[in-house]
C-alpha cells in the first residue's frame, strides 16, 4: 500500500440499519465485511477511525425543522450507537458530525473528536496519506466523506464491498460511486 493507510468507517449506526429510524436496505450487511477490514488493519497496527452522525434533538437536518430526514442518530440514544456487532477496537478514533443545530454533517470531514479536533487534522497527526473508506450510506455520507478526503489531499480507496446506499432515486448509489471515481477515488473489493 502506497502512503501510510488508515481505515475509515462511516456511520455504521443502529438507526441506519434494518429496524432503525432511517434504515439503509441491507445496511447491516456491511458489518461482517468491515469486521474483516478492521482485523486486517489491527493486525498491521494501522489506525482505524469511525465517524458517526451525532445530532441534537432539534436540528435543521430533520424534517420538523426544515430538513429532509426523520429524526435519527440523536446524541446519546440507542439509534446513534454503533452497531453492536461492529468490532471497533478500543483505540479506534471516533469522530462525530452533525452536532450543531444547523449542521447536516454529511461528511466525516465536518466532524470532530471529543477534544474538538477535525478529522483531517487527526489523520495528519497520525501521518495518514491513504484512506480506505466503507460504511453507510454510499450516496450520502460515504460520498461526501470520500469527496472531502480527496479535496483535503488524501488518496482515497472506496471499499466497494463494504458500502450500501439509500437510493431514494433508483441508481443514486451507482451515480455516487461514479462521481467518487471521477474525482479520483480508487475502488476495490476483497482487499
Protein backbone atom coordinates (compact mmCIF):
# COMPACT_ATOMS: atom_id res chain seq x y z
CA UNK A 1 0.00 0.00 0.00
CA UNK A 2 1.44 3.37 -1.02
CA UNK A 3 1.34 6.10 1.63
CA UNK A 4 0.50 5.36 5.26
CA UNK A 5 -3.01 3.88 5.26
CA UNK A 6 -5.90 4.16 7.68
CA UNK A 7 -9.34 2.57 7.74
CA UNK A 8 -12.27 5.00 7.91
CA UNK A 9 -15.67 3.50 8.79
CA UNK A 10 -18.58 5.83 8.05
CA UNK A 11 -21.76 5.92 10.17
CA UNK A 12 -22.39 2.21 10.84
CA UNK A 13 -25.02 3.06 13.45
CA UNK A 14 -28.22 1.35 14.58
CA UNK A 15 -30.51 3.97 13.03
CA UNK A 16 -29.02 3.34 9.56
CA UNK A 17 -29.51 -0.43 9.74
CA UNK A 18 -32.70 -2.52 9.46
CA UNK A 19 -35.02 -1.68 12.35
CA UNK A 20 -33.54 1.81 12.76
CA UNK A 21 -35.15 5.22 12.28
CA UNK A 22 -33.59 5.73 8.82
CA UNK A 23 -32.60 2.27 7.61
CA UNK A 24 -30.42 1.64 4.59
CA UNK A 25 -31.52 -1.53 2.78
CA UNK A 26 -29.10 -4.30 3.82
CA UNK A 27 -27.11 -1.74 5.83
CA UNK A 28 -26.24 -4.45 8.35
CA UNK A 29 -24.54 -6.45 5.57
CA UNK A 30 -21.53 -4.11 5.67
CA UNK A 31 -20.70 -5.17 9.24
CA UNK A 32 -19.08 -8.59 8.62
CA UNK A 33 -17.12 -7.16 5.68
CA UNK A 34 -15.94 -4.18 7.72
CA UNK A 35 -15.01 -6.51 10.59
CA UNK A 36 -12.62 -8.32 8.22
CA UNK A 37 -11.05 -4.99 7.23
CA UNK A 38 -10.82 -3.98 10.91
CA UNK A 39 -8.97 -7.20 11.67
CA UNK A 40 -6.51 -6.62 8.81
CA UNK A 41 -5.77 -3.06 9.90
CA UNK A 42 -5.46 -4.06 13.57
CA UNK A 43 -3.06 -6.89 12.69
CA UNK A 44 -0.94 -4.46 10.65
CA UNK A 45 -1.04 -1.94 13.55
CA UNK A 46 -2.64 0.70 11.32
CA UNK A 47 -5.06 3.38 12.58
CA UNK A 48 -8.82 2.92 12.48
CA UNK A 49 -11.27 5.82 12.51
CA UNK A 50 -15.06 5.71 12.75
CA UNK A 51 -17.47 8.56 12.04
CA UNK A 52 -20.95 8.85 13.47
CA UNK A 53 -23.94 11.07 12.96
CA UNK A 54 -24.43 12.73 16.34
CA UNK A 55 -27.40 15.07 16.05
CA UNK A 56 -29.11 17.18 18.71
CA UNK A 57 -32.86 16.62 19.17
CA UNK A 58 -33.64 19.85 17.32
CA UNK A 59 -31.69 20.34 14.11
CA UNK A 60 -32.34 21.84 10.70
CA UNK A 61 -31.30 18.41 9.37
CA UNK A 62 -34.65 16.92 10.47
CA UNK A 63 -37.97 17.40 8.59
CA UNK A 64 -39.69 19.02 11.57
CA UNK A 65 -37.13 21.85 11.42
CA UNK A 66 -36.87 22.30 7.66
CA UNK A 67 -34.58 19.41 6.68
CA UNK A 68 -35.01 16.26 4.62
CA UNK A 69 -34.89 13.48 7.18
CA UNK A 70 -36.87 11.98 10.06
CA UNK A 71 -35.15 12.17 13.46
CA UNK A 72 -32.16 9.78 13.60
CA UNK A 73 -28.86 9.31 15.40
CA UNK A 74 -29.81 11.67 18.23
CA UNK A 75 -26.94 12.11 20.67
CA UNK A 76 -26.95 9.54 23.46
CA UNK A 77 -29.73 7.34 22.05
CA UNK A 78 -29.61 3.65 21.17
CA UNK A 79 -30.15 4.57 17.50
CA UNK A 80 -26.97 6.68 17.49
CA UNK A 81 -24.83 3.84 18.85
CA UNK A 82 -22.54 1.90 16.55
CA UNK A 83 -23.91 -1.49 15.54
CA UNK A 84 -23.14 -3.85 18.43
CA UNK A 85 -21.70 -6.46 16.02
CA UNK A 86 -19.23 -3.94 14.52
CA UNK A 87 -15.93 -4.90 16.16
CA UNK A 88 -14.39 -1.47 16.61
CA UNK A 89 -11.16 -1.72 18.59
CA UNK A 90 -10.86 0.25 21.84
CA UNK A 91 -8.27 2.53 20.26
CA UNK A 92 -10.42 3.44 17.24
CA UNK A 93 -10.71 7.22 16.90
CA UNK A 94 -14.38 8.31 17.00
CA UNK A 95 -15.35 11.41 15.04
CA UNK A 96 -18.82 12.93 15.46
CA UNK A 97 -20.57 15.01 12.78
CA UNK A 98 -23.82 16.96 12.59
CA UNK A 99 -23.59 18.04 16.24
CA UNK A 100 -24.81 21.61 15.82
CA UNK A 101 -28.46 22.64 15.40
CA UNK A 102 -27.70 23.92 11.90
CA UNK A 103 -25.23 21.23 10.75
CA UNK A 104 -26.12 18.41 8.36
CA UNK A 105 -22.80 16.65 8.87
CA UNK A 106 -22.90 14.56 5.69
CA UNK A 107 -19.10 14.38 5.55
CA UNK A 108 -16.89 12.85 8.22
CA UNK A 109 -14.53 15.73 7.44
CA UNK A 110 -17.09 18.06 9.04
CA UNK A 111 -16.73 16.03 12.22
CA UNK A 112 -14.54 16.35 15.29
CA UNK A 113 -13.29 14.08 18.03
CA UNK A 114 -14.15 14.57 21.73
CA UNK A 115 -11.40 17.22 22.02
CA UNK A 116 -12.78 19.19 19.05
CA UNK A 117 -10.02 18.18 16.61
CA UNK A 118 -11.15 17.83 12.97
CA UNK A 119 -10.87 14.53 11.10
CA UNK A 120 -8.35 15.99 8.62
CA UNK A 121 -6.11 17.14 11.47
CA UNK A 122 -6.43 13.80 13.28
CA UNK A 123 -5.37 11.95 10.12
CA UNK A 124 -2.42 14.28 9.51
CA UNK A 125 -1.30 13.94 13.13
CA UNK A 126 -1.05 10.18 12.55
CA UNK A 127 0.81 10.62 9.25
CA UNK A 128 -2.05 9.11 7.23
CA UNK A 129 -1.89 9.63 3.47
CA UNK A 130 -4.23 6.95 2.15
CA UNK A 131 -7.78 6.32 3.40
CA UNK A 132 -9.73 3.11 2.94
CA UNK A 133 -13.42 4.03 3.30
CA UNK A 134 -16.50 1.87 3.87
CA UNK A 135 -19.85 2.26 5.61
CA UNK A 136 -23.23 3.94 5.20
CA UNK A 137 -24.67 5.35 3.07
CA UNK A 138 -22.98 5.23 -0.32
CA UNK A 139 -24.97 8.10 -1.81
CA UNK A 140 -24.76 10.45 1.20
CA UNK A 141 -22.19 10.29 4.00
CA UNK A 142 -19.78 7.91 2.25
CA UNK A 143 -19.84 10.02 -0.92
CA UNK A 144 -19.35 13.34 0.90
CA UNK A 145 -16.60 11.89 3.10
CA UNK A 146 -14.72 10.45 0.10
CA UNK A 147 -15.03 13.67 -1.92
CA UNK A 148 -13.88 15.81 1.02
CA UNK A 149 -11.00 13.42 1.70
CA UNK A 150 -9.82 13.89 -1.86
CA UNK A 151 -10.17 17.69 -1.54
CA UNK A 152 -8.08 17.53 1.64
CA UNK A 153 -5.29 15.85 -0.34
CA UNK A 154 -5.66 12.26 0.82
CA UNK A 155 -5.55 9.28 -1.52
CA UNK A 156 -8.92 7.57 -1.09
CA UNK A 157 -9.81 3.95 -1.71
CA UNK A 158 -13.53 3.09 -1.70
CA UNK A 159 -14.21 -0.37 -0.25
CA UNK A 160 -16.92 -1.29 -2.72
CA UNK A 161 -17.86 -4.49 -0.87
CA UNK A 162 -18.36 -2.57 2.40
CA UNK A 163 -20.89 0.10 1.37
CA UNK A 164 -24.67 0.27 0.90
CA UNK A 165 -26.83 3.15 -0.30
CA UNK A 166 -30.18 4.79 0.33
CA UNK A 167 -31.16 5.08 -3.36
CA UNK A 168 -34.06 7.49 -2.92
CA UNK A 169 -33.95 7.61 -6.72
CA UNK A 170 -33.01 4.37 -8.44
CA UNK A 171 -29.32 4.42 -9.33
CA UNK A 172 -28.28 7.07 -6.77
CA UNK A 173 -25.61 4.79 -5.32
CA UNK A 174 -24.19 3.87 -8.73
CA UNK A 175 -24.04 7.55 -9.66
CA UNK A 176 -22.36 8.34 -6.32
CA UNK A 177 -19.67 5.68 -6.92
CA UNK A 178 -19.08 7.03 -10.44
CA UNK A 179 -18.75 10.57 -9.05
CA UNK A 180 -16.24 9.44 -6.42
CA UNK A 181 -14.15 7.62 -9.05
CA UNK A 182 -14.25 10.64 -11.40
CA UNK A 183 -13.00 12.79 -8.52
CA UNK A 184 -10.00 10.47 -8.06
CA UNK A 185 -11.05 7.69 -5.69
CA UNK A 186 -9.90 4.17 -6.41
CA UNK A 187 -12.42 1.41 -5.84
CA UNK A 188 -11.56 -2.06 -4.62
CA UNK A 189 -13.25 -5.07 -3.11
CA UNK A 190 -11.93 -8.06 -1.17
CA UNK A 191 -8.57 -6.45 -0.38
